[in-house]
Amino acid sequence: MKLMNLIRETQRKCGMWLNVGIPYMVKKGKWEELEDLEKTEFIKGVKDGKWDKKGNHLKDNNPYKQKINKLNEDDENE
């Protein structure tokens, strides 16, 4: 957990912490260790459909897969 603590101490609102760190902490059962702002962000993510109540991501948010698919479609059309 050293890396998570480092991210948490240095950059509270960075995208990595908001999108990966907070759901990971919930998944590990550390809901009580989260601050109120982090809990609010997690609940907002559940409402927006980013992850479920257990911290599991609901969709694949890898931006590179979309780019690869677009490149493959261009090759097929030629």
Protein backbone atom coordinates (compact mmCIF):
# COMPACT_ATOMS: atom_id res chain seq x y z
CA MET A 1 0.00 0.00 0.00
CA LYS A 2 3.02 2.30 -0.11
CA LEU A 3 2.25 3.43 -3.66
CA MET A 4 -1.37 4.22 -2.82
CA ASN A 5 -0.28 6.23 0.22
CA LEU A 6 2.22 8.16 -1.90
CA ILE A 7 -0.39 8.99 -4.54
CA ARG A 8 -2.84 9.95 -1.85
CA GLU A 9 -0.42 12.27 -0.04
CA THR A 10 1.01 14.02 -3.09
CA GLN A 11 -1.90 14.49 -5.45
CA ARG A 12 -5.28 14.19 -3.80
CA LYS A 13 -7.43 14.96 -6.82
CA CYS A 14 -5.40 13.46 -9.63
CA GLY A 15 -7.24 11.30 -12.15
CA MET A 16 -5.32 8.18 -11.20
CA TRP A 17 -6.49 8.39 -7.60
CA LEU A 18 -10.09 9.29 -8.46
CA ASN A 19 -10.59 6.64 -11.15
CA VAL A 20 -8.43 3.80 -9.88
CA GLY A 21 -7.32 4.40 -6.30
CA ILE A 22 -10.64 5.07 -4.63
CA PRO A 23 -12.44 2.06 -6.18
CA TYR A 24 -9.41 -0.08 -5.32
CA MET A 25 -9.59 1.00 -1.68
CA VAL A 26 -13.30 0.12 -1.60
CA LYS A 27 -12.58 -3.24 -3.23
CA LYS A 28 -10.00 -3.97 -0.52
CA GLY A 29 -12.58 -3.17 2.19
CA LYS A 30 -11.04 0.11 3.31
CA TRP A 31 -14.13 2.31 2.98
CA GLU A 32 -13.64 3.65 6.53
CA GLU A 33 -10.14 4.93 5.66
CA LEU A 34 -11.45 7.16 2.86
CA GLU A 35 -12.07 10.81 3.54
CA ASP A 36 -15.51 12.37 3.07
CA LEU A 37 -14.58 13.92 -0.29
CA GLU A 38 -13.30 10.54 -1.54
CA LYS A 39 -16.48 8.80 -0.38
CA THR A 40 -18.54 11.41 -2.22
CA GLU A 41 -16.51 10.86 -5.41
CA PHE A 42 -17.01 7.10 -5.13
CA ILE A 43 -20.78 7.44 -4.71
CA LYS A 44 -20.84 9.81 -7.69
CA GLY A 45 -18.97 7.19 -9.74
CA VAL A 46 -21.52 4.53 -8.78
CA LYS A 47 -24.37 6.81 -9.87
CA ASP A 48 -22.59 7.61 -13.15
CA GLY A 49 -22.09 3.89 -13.87
CA LYS A 50 -18.28 3.92 -13.72
CA TRP A 51 -18.12 1.11 -11.14
CA ASP A 52 -20.42 -0.91 -8.90
CA LYS A 53 -20.83 -0.63 -5.12
CA LYS A 54 -17.97 -3.08 -4.60
CA GLY A 55 -15.47 -1.01 -6.61
CA ASN A 56 -15.45 -3.13 -9.79
CA HIS A 57 -15.24 -1.14 -13.01
CA LEU A 58 -18.34 -1.67 -15.15
CA LYS A 59 -16.82 -0.85 -18.52
CA ASP A 60 -13.43 -1.17 -20.12
CA ASN A 61 -12.01 2.34 -20.01
CA ASN A 62 -8.81 1.63 -21.94
CA PRO A 63 -8.51 4.44 -24.52
CA TYR A 64 -6.03 2.49 -26.67
CA LYS A 65 -8.53 -0.24 -27.59
CA GLN A 66 -10.75 2.32 -29.29
CA LYS A 67 -7.81 3.68 -31.29
CA ILE A 68 -6.74 0.17 -32.35
CA ASN A 69 -10.27 -0.63 -33.53
CA LYS A 70 -10.37 2.57 -35.60
CA LEU A 71 -7.02 1.70 -37.20
CA ASN A 72 -8.24 -1.80 -38.06
CA GLU A 73 -11.44 -0.45 -39.63
CA ASP A 74 -9.41 1.82 -41.92
CA ASP A 75 -7.38 -1.14 -43.15
CA GLU A 76 -10.48 -3.21 -43.89
CA ASN A 77 -12.08 -0.46 -46.00
CA GLU A 78 -9.16 -0.20 -48.41
